[in-house]
């Protein structure tokens, strides 16, 4: 499942990485990616607060790095490589919010690394 929105977000991430390179805090990449998304007119919210429910009770809140068009969660990293824990964290966010699609974007030392994650397992055709 590749859609135009995820491709636009990934393209913005590459523009940010080409300009800034590696080594900044995630917050710098977050603000820069927000600028790129705004240039394209893509509605988004940084540090979006999302409530987590368990058995109909609010058990806490978390902030995702960027919520795009209310249908895509973007988690940003600035590490040597994406770890399994980063991917699991995003899937948990997707399950908690019932949002179907998310991206982990890592502004790594050599390149931008992207992992698409889905709330429900999708079989490859």
PDB file of N, CA and C in Angstrom:
ATOM      1  N   UNK A   1       0.840  -1.173   0.000  1.00  0.00           N
ATOM      2  CA  UNK A   1       0.000   0.000   0.000  1.00  0.00           C
ATOM      3  C   UNK A   1       0.891   1.243   0.000  1.00  0.00           C
ATOM      4  N   UNK A   2       1.131   1.772  -1.158  1.00  0.00           N
ATOM      5  CA  UNK A   2       1.855   3.025  -1.300  1.00  0.00           C
ATOM      6  C   UNK A   2       0.866   4.055  -1.795  1.00  0.00           C
ATOM      7  N   UNK A   3       0.756   5.150  -1.092  1.00  0.00           N
ATOM      8  CA  UNK A   3      -0.138   6.180  -1.586  1.00  0.00           C
ATOM      9  C   UNK A   3       0.633   7.473  -1.769  1.00  0.00           C
ATOM     10  N   UNK A   4      -0.008   8.388  -2.436  1.00  0.00           N
ATOM     11  CA  UNK A   4       0.626   9.653  -2.776  1.00  0.00           C
ATOM     12  C   UNK A   4       1.074  10.423  -1.531  1.00  0.00           C
ATOM     13  N   UNK A   5       0.283  10.386  -0.471  1.00  0.00           N
ATOM     14  CA  UNK A   5       0.633  11.124   0.737  1.00  0.00           C
ATOM     15  C   UNK A   5       1.946  10.630   1.336  1.00  0.00           C
ATOM     16  N   UNK A   6       2.088   9.310   1.472  1.00  0.00           N
ATOM     17  CA  UNK A   6       3.342   8.794   2.050  1.00  0.00           C
ATOM     18  C   UNK A   6       4.524   9.133   1.149  1.00  0.00           C
ATOM     19  N   UNK A   7       4.324   9.071  -0.159  1.00  0.00           N
ATOM     20  CA  UNK A   7       5.412   9.407  -1.082  1.00  0.00           C
ATOM     21  C   UNK A   7       5.816  10.874  -0.947  1.00  0.00           C
ATOM     22  N   UNK A   8       4.835  11.756  -0.747  1.00  0.00           N
ATOM     23  CA  UNK A   8       5.137  13.172  -0.559  1.00  0.00           C
ATOM     24  C   UNK A   8       5.909  13.396   0.742  1.00  0.00           C
ATOM     25  N   UNK A   9       5.492  12.733   1.809  1.00  0.00           N
ATOM     26  CA  UNK A   9       6.182  12.878   3.096  1.00  0.00           C
ATOM     27  C   UNK A   9       7.616  12.372   2.973  1.00  0.00           C
ATOM     28  N   UNK A  10       7.795  11.237   2.337  1.00  0.00           N
ATOM     29  CA  UNK A  10       9.148  10.681   2.157  1.00  0.00           C
ATOM     30  C   UNK A  10      10.003  11.630   1.316  1.00  0.00           C
ATOM     31  N   UNK A  11       9.421  12.191   0.265  1.00  0.00           N
ATOM     32  CA  UNK A  11      10.151  13.160  -0.559  1.00  0.00           C
ATOM     33  C   UNK A  11      10.593  14.370   0.256  1.00  0.00           C
ATOM     34  N   UNK A  12       9.731  14.846   1.130  1.00  0.00           N
ATOM     35  CA  UNK A  12      10.077  15.960   2.013  1.00  0.00           C
ATOM     36  C   UNK A  12      11.237  15.585   2.931  1.00  0.00           C
ATOM     37  N   UNK A  13      11.207  14.354   3.454  1.00  0.00           N
ATOM     38  CA  UNK A  13      12.289  13.888   4.330  1.00  0.00           C
ATOM     39  C   UNK A  13      13.628  13.876   3.585  1.00  0.00           C
ATOM     40  N   UNK A  14      13.620  13.451   2.344  1.00  0.00           N
ATOM     41  CA  UNK A  14      14.859  13.455   1.557  1.00  0.00           C
ATOM     42  C   UNK A  14      15.356  14.879   1.327  1.00  0.00           C
ATOM     43  N   UNK A  15      14.446  15.821   1.080  1.00  0.00           N
ATOM     44  CA  UNK A  15      14.869  17.218   0.904  1.00  0.00           C
ATOM     45  C   UNK A  15      15.514  17.742   2.190  1.00  0.00           C
ATOM     46  N   UNK A  16      14.925  17.414   3.327  1.00  0.00           N
ATOM     47  CA  UNK A  16      15.486  17.852   4.611  1.00  0.00           C
ATOM     48  C   UNK A  16      16.872  17.247   4.810  1.00  0.00           C
ATOM     49  N   UNK A  17      16.996  15.946   4.561  1.00  0.00           N
ATOM     50  CA  UNK A  17      18.298  15.285   4.764  1.00  0.00           C
ATOM     51  C   UNK A  17      19.351  15.824   3.803  1.00  0.00           C
ATOM     52  N   UNK A  18      18.961  16.081   2.563  1.00  0.00           N
ATOM     53  CA  UNK A  18      19.915  16.632   1.590  1.00  0.00           C
ATOM     54  C   UNK A  18      20.407  18.009   2.015  1.00  0.00           C
ATOM     55  N   UNK A  19      19.569  18.751   2.714  1.00  0.00           N
ATOM     56  CA  UNK A  19      19.942  20.092   3.163  1.00  0.00           C
ATOM     57  C   UNK A  19      20.723  20.066   4.469  1.00  0.00           C
ATOM     58  N   UNK A  20      20.248  19.298   5.442  1.00  0.00           N
ATOM     59  CA  UNK A  20      20.849  19.326   6.781  1.00  0.00           C
ATOM     60  C   UNK A  20      21.894  18.245   7.025  1.00  0.00           C
ATOM     61  N   UNK A  21      21.757  17.114   6.334  1.00  0.00           N
ATOM     62  CA  UNK A  21      22.656  16.002   6.617  1.00  0.00           C
ATOM     63  C   UNK A  21      22.302  15.333   7.932  1.00  0.00           C
ATOM     64  N   UNK A  22      23.280  14.672   8.520  1.00  0.00           N
ATOM     65  CA  UNK A  22      23.098  13.874   9.733  1.00  0.00           C
ATOM     66  C   UNK A  22      23.661  14.606  10.939  1.00  0.00           C
ATOM     67  N   UNK A  23      23.105  14.320  12.110  1.00  0.00           N
ATOM     68  CA  UNK A  23      23.737  14.759  13.343  1.00  0.00           C
ATOM     69  C   UNK A  23      22.951  15.747  14.175  1.00  0.00           C
ATOM     70  N   UNK A  24      21.774  16.147  13.707  1.00  0.00           N
ATOM     71  CA  UNK A  24      20.960  17.064  14.506  1.00  0.00           C
ATOM     72  C   UNK A  24      20.002  16.283  15.391  1.00  0.00           C
ATOM     73  N   UNK A  25      19.425  16.965  16.369  1.00  0.00           N
ATOM     74  CA  UNK A  25      18.390  16.369  17.201  1.00  0.00           C
ATOM     75  C   UNK A  25      17.143  16.129  16.365  1.00  0.00           C
ATOM     76  N   UNK A  26      16.332  15.187  16.822  1.00  0.00           N
ATOM     77  CA  UNK A  26      15.084  14.895  16.118  1.00  0.00           C
ATOM     78  C   UNK A  26      14.209  16.127  15.990  1.00  0.00           C
ATOM     79  N   UNK A  27      14.231  16.994  16.992  1.00  0.00           N
ATOM     80  CA  UNK A  27      13.389  18.196  16.955  1.00  0.00           C
ATOM     81  C   UNK A  27      13.740  19.110  15.785  1.00  0.00           C
ATOM     82  N   UNK A  28      14.999  19.159  15.401  1.00  0.00           N
ATOM     83  CA  UNK A  28      15.419  19.975  14.256  1.00  0.00           C
ATOM     84  C   UNK A  28      14.843  19.382  12.974  1.00  0.00           C
ATOM     85  N   UNK A  29      14.915  18.059  12.845  1.00  0.00           N
ATOM     86  CA  UNK A  29      14.351  17.406  11.661  1.00  0.00           C
ATOM     87  C   UNK A  29      12.829  17.549  11.647  1.00  0.00           C
ATOM     88  N   UNK A  30      12.211  17.483  12.804  1.00  0.00           N
ATOM     89  CA  UNK A  30      10.756  17.633  12.900  1.00  0.00           C
ATOM     90  C   UNK A  30      10.319  19.005  12.395  1.00  0.00           C
ATOM     91  N   UNK A  31      10.975  20.051  12.863  1.00  0.00           N
ATOM     92  CA  UNK A  31      10.625  21.406  12.437  1.00  0.00           C
ATOM     93  C   UNK A  31      10.901  21.602  10.949  1.00  0.00           C
ATOM     94  N   UNK A  32      11.994  21.047  10.474  1.00  0.00           N
ATOM     95  CA  UNK A  32      12.340  21.177   9.061  1.00  0.00           C
ATOM     96  C   UNK A  32      11.352  20.417   8.181  1.00  0.00           C
ATOM     97  N   UNK A  33      10.971  19.217   8.605  1.00  0.00           N
ATOM     98  CA  UNK A  33       9.996  18.440   7.843  1.00  0.00           C
ATOM     99  C   UNK A  33       8.648  19.150   7.843  1.00  0.00           C
ATOM    100  N   UNK A  34       8.290  19.780   8.945  1.00  0.00           N
ATOM    101  CA  UNK A  34       7.054  20.542   9.023  1.00  0.00           C
ATOM    102  C   UNK A  34       7.046  21.684   7.998  1.00  0.00           C
ATOM    103  N   UNK A  35       8.174  22.349   7.847  1.00  0.00           N
ATOM    104  CA  UNK A  35       8.284  23.427   6.851  1.00  0.00           C
ATOM    105  C   UNK A  35       8.066  22.866   5.446  1.00  0.00           C
ATOM    106  N   UNK A  36       8.694  21.739   5.147  1.00  0.00           N
ATOM    107  CA  UNK A  36       8.542  21.128   3.821  1.00  0.00           C
ATOM    108  C   UNK A  36       7.104  20.688   3.564  1.00  0.00           C
ATOM    109  N   UNK A  37       6.457  20.107   4.568  1.00  0.00           N
ATOM    110  CA  UNK A  37       5.055  19.701   4.415  1.00  0.00           C
ATOM    111  C   UNK A  37       4.167  20.915   4.173  1.00  0.00           C
ATOM    112  N   UNK A  38       4.431  21.994   4.881  1.00  0.00           N
ATOM    113  CA  UNK A  38       3.656  23.224   4.705  1.00  0.00           C
ATOM    114  C   UNK A  38       3.816  23.788   3.298  1.00  0.00           C
ATOM    115  N   UNK A  39       5.013  23.711   2.756  1.00  0.00           N
ATOM    116  CA  UNK A  39       5.245  24.184   1.385  1.00  0.00           C
ATOM    117  C   UNK A  39       4.345  23.469   0.389  1.00  0.00           C
ATOM    118  N   UNK A  40       4.041  22.199   0.669  1.00  0.00           N
ATOM    119  CA  UNK A  40       3.186  21.410  -0.224  1.00  0.00           C
ATOM    120  C   UNK A  40       1.705  21.529   0.130  1.00  0.00           C
ATOM    121  N   UNK A  41       1.414  22.281   1.175  1.00  0.00           N
ATOM    122  CA  UNK A  41       0.027  22.443   1.584  1.00  0.00           C
ATOM    123  C   UNK A  41      -0.544  21.210   2.259  1.00  0.00           C
ATOM    124  N   UNK A  42       0.323  20.389   2.835  1.00  0.00           N
ATOM    125  CA  UNK A  42      -0.114  19.168   3.514  1.00  0.00           C
ATOM    126  C   UNK A  42      -0.441  19.498   4.965  1.00  0.00           C
ATOM    127  N   UNK A  43      -1.679  19.242   5.343  1.00  0.00           N
ATOM    128  CA  UNK A  43      -2.136  19.517   6.703  1.00  0.00           C
ATOM    129  C   UNK A  43      -1.472  18.528   7.667  1.00  0.00           C
ATOM    130  N   UNK A  44      -0.893  19.059   8.731  1.00  0.00           N
ATOM    131  CA  UNK A  44      -0.198  18.208   9.699  1.00  0.00           C
ATOM    132  C   UNK A  44      -0.113  18.915  11.042  1.00  0.00           C
ATOM    133  N   UNK A  45       0.203  18.121  12.042  1.00  0.00           N
ATOM    134  CA  UNK A  45       0.362  18.655  13.401  1.00  0.00           C
ATOM    135  C   UNK A  45       1.596  18.004  14.010  1.00  0.00           C
ATOM    136  N   UNK A  46       2.506  18.824  14.541  1.00  0.00           N
ATOM    137  CA  UNK A  46       3.678  18.277  15.223  1.00  0.00           C
ATOM    138  C   UNK A  46       3.349  18.073  16.692  1.00  0.00           C
ATOM    139  N   UNK A  47       3.973  17.066  17.270  1.00  0.00           N
ATOM    140  CA  UNK A  47       3.762  16.706  18.677  1.00  0.00           C
ATOM    141  C   UNK A  47       2.270  16.587  19.001  1.00  0.00           C
ATOM    142  N   UNK A  48       1.571  15.889  18.119  1.00  0.00           N
ATOM    143  CA  UNK A  48       0.129  15.691  18.290  1.00  0.00           C
ATOM    144  C   UNK A  48      -0.121  14.821  19.515  1.00  0.00           C
ATOM    145  N   UNK A  49      -0.945  15.311  20.414  1.00  0.00           N
ATOM    146  CA  UNK A  49      -1.278  14.569  21.627  1.00  0.00           C
ATOM    147  C   UNK A  49      -2.403  13.592  21.315  1.00  0.00           C
ATOM    148  N   UNK A  50      -2.175  12.335  21.655  1.00  0.00           N
ATOM    149  CA  UNK A  50      -3.137  11.274  21.359  1.00  0.00           C
ATOM    150  C   UNK A  50      -3.412  10.497  22.636  1.00  0.00           C
ATOM    151  N   UNK A  51      -4.690  10.310  22.930  1.00  0.00           N
ATOM    152  CA  UNK A  51      -5.081   9.584  24.134  1.00  0.00           C
ATOM    153  C   UNK A  51      -5.089   8.077  23.860  1.00  0.00           C
ATOM    154  N   UNK A  52      -4.679   7.325  24.861  1.00  0.00           N
ATOM    155  CA  UNK A  52      -4.668   5.866  24.776  1.00  0.00           C
ATOM    156  C   UNK A  52      -5.734   5.326  25.724  1.00  0.00           C
ATOM    157  N   UNK A  53      -6.542   4.424  25.203  1.00  0.00           N
ATOM    158  CA  UNK A  53      -7.625   3.843  25.998  1.00  0.00           C
ATOM    159  C   UNK A  53      -7.388   2.361  26.209  1.00  0.00           C
ATOM    160  N   UNK A  54      -7.788   1.900  27.376  1.00  0.00           N
ATOM    161  CA  UNK A  54      -7.795   0.483  27.696  1.00  0.00           C
ATOM    162  C   UNK A  54      -9.136   0.187  28.327  1.00  0.00           C
ATOM    163  N   UNK A  55      -9.879  -0.723  27.749  1.00  0.00           N
ATOM    164  CA  UNK A  55     -11.179  -1.117  28.296  1.00  0.00           C
ATOM    165  C   UNK A  55     -12.041   0.114  28.592  1.00  0.00           C
ATOM    166  N   UNK A  56     -12.115   0.997  27.607  1.00  0.00           N
ATOM    167  CA  UNK A  56     -12.924   2.221  27.654  1.00  0.00           C
ATOM    168  C   UNK A  56     -12.433   3.265  28.654  1.00  0.00           C
ATOM    169  N   UNK A  57     -11.257   3.072  29.223  1.00  0.00           N
ATOM    170  CA  UNK A  57     -10.701   4.047  30.167  1.00  0.00           C
ATOM    171  C   UNK A  57      -9.450   4.679  29.580  1.00  0.00           C
ATOM    172  N   UNK A  58      -9.352   5.990  29.736  1.00  0.00           N
ATOM    173  CA  UNK A  58      -8.143   6.679  29.307  1.00  0.00           C
ATOM    174  C   UNK A  58      -7.021   6.293  30.268  1.00  0.00           C
ATOM    175  N   UNK A  59      -5.971   5.669  29.726  1.00  0.00           N
ATOM    176  CA  UNK A  59      -4.868   5.215  30.565  1.00  0.00           C
ATOM    177  C   UNK A  59      -3.593   6.021  30.330  1.00  0.00           C
ATOM    178  N   UNK A  60      -3.683   7.034  29.475  1.00  0.00           N
ATOM    179  CA  UNK A  60      -2.506   7.859  29.250  1.00  0.00           C
ATOM    180  C   UNK A  60      -2.551   8.557  27.909  1.00  0.00           C
ATOM    181  N   UNK A  61      -1.573   9.398  27.725  1.00  0.00           N
ATOM    182  CA  UNK A  61      -1.425  10.150  26.487  1.00  0.00           C
ATOM    183  C   UNK A  61      -0.014   9.933  25.959  1.00  0.00           C
ATOM    184  N   UNK A  62       0.129  10.104  24.667  1.00  0.00           N
ATOM    185  CA  UNK A  62       1.463  10.139  24.083  1.00  0.00           C
ATOM    186  C   UNK A  62       1.461  11.182  22.994  1.00  0.00           C
ATOM    187  N   UNK A  63       2.617  11.634  22.620  1.00  0.00           N
ATOM    188  CA  UNK A  63       2.744  12.601  21.538  1.00  0.00           C
ATOM    189  C   UNK A  63       3.488  11.946  20.391  1.00  0.00           C
ATOM    190  N   UNK A  64       2.841  11.908  19.241  1.00  0.00           N
ATOM    191  CA  UNK A  64       3.560  11.422  18.064  1.00  0.00           C
ATOM    192  C   UNK A  64       4.285  12.616  17.449  1.00  0.00           C
ATOM    193  N   UNK A  65       5.368  12.353  16.755  1.00  0.00           N
ATOM    194  CA  UNK A  65       6.155  13.446  16.199  1.00  0.00           C
ATOM    195  C   UNK A  65       5.340  14.287  15.225  1.00  0.00           C
ATOM    196  N   UNK A  66       4.727  13.621  14.238  1.00  0.00           N
ATOM    197  CA  UNK A  66       3.903  14.347  13.265  1.00  0.00           C
ATOM    198  C   UNK A  66       2.691  13.494  12.903  1.00  0.00           C
ATOM    199  N   UNK A  67       1.531  14.099  12.964  1.00  0.00           N
ATOM    200  CA  UNK A  67       0.296  13.485  12.502  1.00  0.00           C
ATOM    201  C   UNK A  67      -0.080  14.200  11.210  1.00  0.00           C
ATOM    202  N   UNK A  68      -0.143  13.453  10.111  1.00  0.00           N
ATOM    203  CA  UNK A  68      -0.366  14.029   8.788  1.00  0.00           C
ATOM    204  C   UNK A  68      -1.773  13.700   8.311  1.00  0.00           C
ATOM    205  N   UNK A  69      -2.518  14.748   7.986  1.00  0.00           N
ATOM    206  CA  UNK A  69      -3.870  14.603   7.424  1.00  0.00           C
ATOM    207  C   UNK A  69      -4.768  13.696   8.273  1.00  0.00           C
ATOM    208  N   UNK A  70      -4.491  13.580   9.552  1.00  0.00           N
ATOM    209  CA  UNK A  70      -5.259  12.739  10.477  1.00  0.00           C
ATOM    210  C   UNK A  70      -5.310  11.272  10.049  1.00  0.00           C
ATOM    211  N   UNK A  71      -4.368  10.852   9.188  1.00  0.00           N
ATOM    212  CA  UNK A  71      -4.387   9.459   8.730  1.00  0.00           C
ATOM    213  C   UNK A  71      -3.012   8.820   8.577  1.00  0.00           C
ATOM    214  N   UNK A  72      -1.973   9.537   8.963  1.00  0.00           N
ATOM    215  CA  UNK A  72      -0.615   9.008   8.863  1.00  0.00           C
ATOM    216  C   UNK A  72       0.189   9.502  10.052  1.00  0.00           C
ATOM    217  N   UNK A  73       0.752   8.567  10.825  1.00  0.00           N
ATOM    218  CA  UNK A  73       1.633   8.917  11.939  1.00  0.00           C
ATOM    219  C   UNK A  73       3.072   8.800  11.463  1.00  0.00           C
ATOM    220  N   UNK A  74       3.844   9.843  11.716  1.00  0.00           N
ATOM    221  CA  UNK A  74       5.260   9.855  11.340  1.00  0.00           C
ATOM    222  C   UNK A  74       6.089   9.963  12.612  1.00  0.00           C
ATOM    223  N   UNK A  75       6.943   8.992  12.828  1.00  0.00           N
ATOM    224  CA  UNK A  75       7.884   9.006  13.946  1.00  0.00           C
ATOM    225  C   UNK A  75       9.274   9.248  13.378  1.00  0.00           C
ATOM    226  N   UNK A  76       9.968  10.230  13.931  1.00  0.00           N
ATOM    227  CA  UNK A  76      11.286  10.606  13.427  1.00  0.00           C
ATOM    228  C   UNK A  76      12.379  10.115  14.361  1.00  0.00           C
ATOM    229  N   UNK A  77      13.479   9.711  13.757  1.00  0.00           N
ATOM    230  CA  UNK A  77      14.656   9.273  14.502  1.00  0.00           C
ATOM    231  C   UNK A  77      15.892   9.918  13.892  1.00  0.00           C
ATOM    232  N   UNK A  78      16.936  10.026  14.691  1.00  0.00           N
ATOM    233  CA  UNK A  78      18.238  10.476  14.228  1.00  0.00           C
ATOM    234  C   UNK A  78      19.278   9.587  14.898  1.00  0.00           C
ATOM    235  N   UNK A  79      19.342   8.350  14.392  1.00  0.00           N
ATOM    236  CA  UNK A  79      20.204   7.320  14.968  1.00  0.00           C
ATOM    237  C   UNK A  79      20.978   6.640  13.839  1.00  0.00           C
ATOM    238  N   UNK A  80      21.907   5.771  14.197  1.00  0.00           N
ATOM    239  CA  UNK A  80      22.697   5.110  13.160  1.00  0.00           C
ATOM    240  C   UNK A  80      21.847   4.212  12.274  1.00  0.00           C
ATOM    241  N   UNK A  81      20.828   3.568  12.862  1.00  0.00           N
ATOM    242  CA  UNK A  81      19.885   2.774  12.062  1.00  0.00           C
ATOM    243  C   UNK A  81      18.613   2.537  12.864  1.00  0.00           C
ATOM    244  N   UNK A  82      17.528   2.279  12.144  1.00  0.00           N
ATOM    245  CA  UNK A  82      16.251   2.010  12.789  1.00  0.00           C
ATOM    246  C   UNK A  82      16.334   0.674  13.518  1.00  0.00           C
ATOM    247  N   UNK A  83      15.866   0.667  14.755  1.00  0.00           N
ATOM    248  CA  UNK A  83      15.835  -0.558  15.560  1.00  0.00           C
ATOM    249  C   UNK A  83      14.423  -1.145  15.528  1.00  0.00           C
ATOM    250  N   UNK A  84      14.333  -2.425  15.819  1.00  0.00           N
ATOM    251  CA  UNK A  84      13.032  -3.091  15.890  1.00  0.00           C
ATOM    252  C   UNK A  84      12.129  -2.373  16.900  1.00  0.00           C
ATOM    253  N   UNK A  85      12.694  -1.908  17.990  1.00  0.00           N
ATOM    254  CA  UNK A  85      11.914  -1.213  19.019  1.00  0.00           C
ATOM    255  C   UNK A  85      11.228   0.030  18.460  1.00  0.00           C
ATOM    256  N   UNK A  86      11.874   0.731  17.520  1.00  0.00           N
ATOM    257  CA  UNK A  86      11.260   1.911  16.898  1.00  0.00           C
ATOM    258  C   UNK A  86      10.032   1.504  16.083  1.00  0.00           C
ATOM    259  N   UNK A  87      10.148   0.395  15.372  1.00  0.00           N
ATOM    260  CA  UNK A  87       9.036  -0.091  14.558  1.00  0.00           C
ATOM    261  C   UNK A  87       7.881  -0.574  15.435  1.00  0.00           C
ATOM    262  N   UNK A  88       8.200  -1.275  16.510  1.00  0.00           N
ATOM    263  CA  UNK A  88       7.175  -1.764  17.437  1.00  0.00           C
ATOM    264  C   UNK A  88       6.453  -0.581  18.082  1.00  0.00           C
ATOM    265  N   UNK A  89       7.198   0.440  18.469  1.00  0.00           N
ATOM    266  CA  UNK A  89       6.607   1.642  19.058  1.00  0.00           C
ATOM    267  C   UNK A  89       5.576   2.232  18.103  1.00  0.00           C
ATOM    268  N   UNK A  90       5.920   2.358  16.829  1.00  0.00           N
ATOM    269  CA  UNK A  90       4.993   2.930  15.862  1.00  0.00           C
ATOM    270  C   UNK A  90       3.750   2.065  15.691  1.00  0.00           C
ATOM    271  N   UNK A  91       3.919   0.756  15.614  1.00  0.00           N
ATOM    272  CA  UNK A  91       2.759  -0.134  15.477  1.00  0.00           C
ATOM    273  C   UNK A  91       1.847   0.018  16.698  1.00  0.00           C
ATOM    274  N   UNK A  92       2.410   0.137  17.882  1.00  0.00           N
ATOM    275  CA  UNK A  92       1.594   0.359  19.080  1.00  0.00           C
ATOM    276  C   UNK A  92       0.804   1.668  18.970  1.00  0.00           C
ATOM    277  N   UNK A  93       1.430   2.714  18.445  1.00  0.00           N
ATOM    278  CA  UNK A  93       0.732   3.980  18.226  1.00  0.00           C
ATOM    279  C   UNK A  93      -0.427   3.799  17.251  1.00  0.00           C
ATOM    280  N   UNK A  94      -0.190   3.040  16.192  1.00  0.00           N
ATOM    281  CA  UNK A  94      -1.240   2.796  15.194  1.00  0.00           C
ATOM    282  C   UNK A  94      -2.412   2.046  15.807  1.00  0.00           C
ATOM    283  N   UNK A  95      -2.114   1.030  16.596  1.00  0.00           N
ATOM    284  CA  UNK A  95      -3.168   0.252  17.240  1.00  0.00           C
ATOM    285  C   UNK A  95      -3.954   1.139  18.211  1.00  0.00           C
ATOM    286  N   UNK A  96      -3.249   1.949  18.989  1.00  0.00           N
ATOM    287  CA  UNK A  96      -3.899   2.794  19.990  1.00  0.00           C
ATOM    288  C   UNK A  96      -4.805   3.846  19.349  1.00  0.00           C
ATOM    289  N   UNK A  97      -4.419   4.335  18.182  1.00  0.00           N
ATOM    290  CA  UNK A  97      -5.175   5.410  17.533  1.00  0.00           C
ATOM    291  C   UNK A  97      -6.155   4.908  16.488  1.00  0.00           C
ATOM    292  N   UNK A  98      -6.018   3.633  16.104  1.00  0.00           N
ATOM    293  CA  UNK A  98      -6.797   3.055  15.011  1.00  0.00           C
ATOM    294  C   UNK A  98      -6.482   3.707  13.666  1.00  0.00           C
ATOM    295  N   UNK A  99      -5.319   4.345  13.570  1.00  0.00           N
ATOM    296  CA  UNK A  99      -4.817   4.874  12.299  1.00  0.00           C
ATOM    297  C   UNK A  99      -4.114   3.723  11.596  1.00  0.00           C
ATOM    298  N   UNK A 100      -4.359   3.589  10.304  1.00  0.00           N
ATOM    299  CA  UNK A 100      -3.894   2.409   9.578  1.00  0.00           C
ATOM    300  C   UNK A 100      -2.427   2.423   9.174  1.00  0.00           C
ATOM    301  N   UNK A 101      -1.841   3.595   8.960  1.00  0.00           N
ATOM    302  CA  UNK A 101      -0.527   3.661   8.332  1.00  0.00           C
ATOM    303  C   UNK A 101       0.402   4.605   9.080  1.00  0.00           C
ATOM    304  N   UNK A 102       1.668   4.192   9.175  1.00  0.00           N
ATOM    305  CA  UNK A 102       2.678   5.034   9.805  1.00  0.00           C
ATOM    306  C   UNK A 102       4.023   4.890   9.124  1.00  0.00           C
ATOM    307  N   UNK A 103       4.871   5.866   9.345  1.00  0.00           N
ATOM    308  CA  UNK A 103       6.239   5.842   8.832  1.00  0.00           C
ATOM    309  C   UNK A 103       7.213   6.096   9.977  1.00  0.00           C
ATOM    310  N   UNK A 104       8.262   5.299  10.040  1.00  0.00           N
ATOM    311  CA  UNK A 104       9.424   5.630  10.863  1.00  0.00           C
ATOM    312  C   UNK A 104      10.441   6.178   9.876  1.00  0.00           C
ATOM    313  N   UNK A 105      10.862   7.407  10.092  1.00  0.00           N
ATOM    314  CA  UNK A 105      11.848   8.031   9.210  1.00  0.00           C
ATOM    315  C   UNK A 105      13.084   8.337  10.039  1.00  0.00           C
ATOM    316  N   UNK A 106      14.205   7.767   9.617  1.00  0.00           N
ATOM    317  CA  UNK A 106      15.471   7.977  10.312  1.00  0.00           C
ATOM    318  C   UNK A 106      16.397   8.825   9.449  1.00  0.00           C
ATOM    319  N   UNK A 107      16.835   9.948  10.023  1.00  0.00           N
ATOM    320  CA  UNK A 107      17.813  10.797   9.362  1.00  0.00           C
ATOM    321  C   UNK A 107      19.191  10.277   9.763  1.00  0.00           C
ATOM    322  N   UNK A 108      19.608   9.210   9.096  1.00  0.00           N
ATOM    323  CA  UNK A 108      20.826   8.496   9.443  1.00  0.00           C
ATOM    324  C   UNK A 108      22.081   9.121   8.886  1.00  0.00           C
ATOM    325  N   UNK A 109      23.231   8.528   9.214  1.00  0.00           N
ATOM    326  CA  UNK A 109      24.515   9.098   8.811  1.00  0.00           C
ATOM    327  C   UNK A 109      24.746   9.085   7.301  1.00  0.00           C
ATOM    328  N   UNK A 110      24.214   8.084   6.611  1.00  0.00           N
ATOM    329  CA  UNK A 110      24.470   7.966   5.182  1.00  0.00           C
ATOM    330  C   UNK A 110      23.271   8.311   4.317  1.00  0.00           C
ATOM    331  N   UNK A 111      22.074   8.119   4.870  1.00  0.00           N
ATOM    332  CA  UNK A 111      20.879   8.304   4.051  1.00  0.00           C
ATOM    333  C   UNK A 111      19.646   8.388   4.938  1.00  0.00           C
ATOM    334  N   UNK A 112      18.538   8.709   4.310  1.00  0.00           N
ATOM    335  CA  UNK A 112      17.247   8.639   4.985  1.00  0.00           C
ATOM    336  C   UNK A 112      16.792   7.190   4.907  1.00  0.00           C
ATOM    337  N   UNK A 113      16.382   6.661   6.040  1.00  0.00           N
ATOM    338  CA  UNK A 113      15.904   5.286   6.132  1.00  0.00           C
ATOM    339  C   UNK A 113      14.418   5.356   6.488  1.00  0.00           C
ATOM    340  N   UNK A 114      13.577   4.635   5.751  1.00  0.00           N
ATOM    341  CA  UNK A 114      12.135   4.693   5.953  1.00  0.00           C
ATOM    342  C   UNK A 114      11.578   3.294   6.136  1.00  0.00           C
ATOM    343  N   UNK A 115      10.696   3.144   7.106  1.00  0.00           N
ATOM    344  CA  UNK A 115       9.948   1.890   7.297  1.00  0.00           C
ATOM    345  C   UNK A 115       8.470   2.237   7.331  1.00  0.00           C
ATOM    346  N   UNK A 116       7.697   1.617   6.468  1.00  0.00           N
ATOM    347  CA  UNK A 116       6.237   1.743   6.502  1.00  0.00           C
ATOM    348  C   UNK A 116       5.706   0.671   7.439  1.00  0.00           C
ATOM    349  N   UNK A 117       4.793   1.063   8.294  1.00  0.00           N
ATOM    350  CA  UNK A 117       4.168   0.106   9.204  1.00  0.00           C
ATOM    351  C   UNK A 117       2.654   0.266   9.096  1.00  0.00           C
ATOM    352  N   UNK A 118       1.963  -0.854   9.327  1.00  0.00           N
ATOM    353  CA  UNK A 118       0.521  -0.889   9.206  1.00  0.00           C
ATOM    354  C   UNK A 118      -0.093  -1.363  10.516  1.00  0.00           C
ATOM    355  N   UNK A 119      -1.273  -0.854  10.806  1.00  0.00           N
ATOM    356  CA  UNK A 119      -1.967  -1.277  12.024  1.00  0.00           C
ATOM    357  C   UNK A 119      -2.300  -2.746  11.961  1.00  0.00           C
ATOM    358  N   UNK A 120      -2.707  -3.223  10.800  1.00  0.00           N
ATOM    359  CA  UNK A 120      -3.019  -4.633  10.612  1.00  0.00           C
ATOM    360  C   UNK A 120      -2.055  -5.208   9.594  1.00  0.00           C
ATOM    361  N   UNK A 121      -1.696  -6.451   9.789  1.00  0.00           N
ATOM    362  CA  UNK A 121      -0.766  -7.132   8.895  1.00  0.00           C
ATOM    363  C   UNK A 121      -1.362  -7.212   7.494  1.00  0.00           C
ATOM    364  N   UNK A 122      -0.573  -6.788   6.499  1.00  0.00           N
ATOM    365  CA  UNK A 122      -1.012  -6.870   5.104  1.00  0.00           C
ATOM    366  C   UNK A 122      -0.125  -7.866   4.372  1.00  0.00           C
ATOM    367  N   UNK A 123      -0.744  -8.831   3.734  1.00  0.00           N
ATOM    368  CA  UNK A 123       0.020  -9.793   2.948  1.00  0.00           C
ATOM    369  C   UNK A 123       0.468  -9.149   1.648  1.00  0.00           C
ATOM    370  N   UNK A 124       1.692  -9.441   1.255  1.00  0.00           N
ATOM    371  CA  UNK A 124       2.196  -8.969  -0.044  1.00  0.00           C
ATOM    372  C   UNK A 124       1.498  -9.793  -1.119  1.00  0.00           C
ATOM    373  N   UNK A 125       1.161  -9.139  -2.228  1.00  0.00           N
ATOM    374  CA  UNK A 125       0.516  -9.864  -3.345  1.00  0.00           C
ATOM    375  C   UNK A 125       1.525 -10.675  -4.116  1.00  0.00           C
TER     376      UNK A 125
END
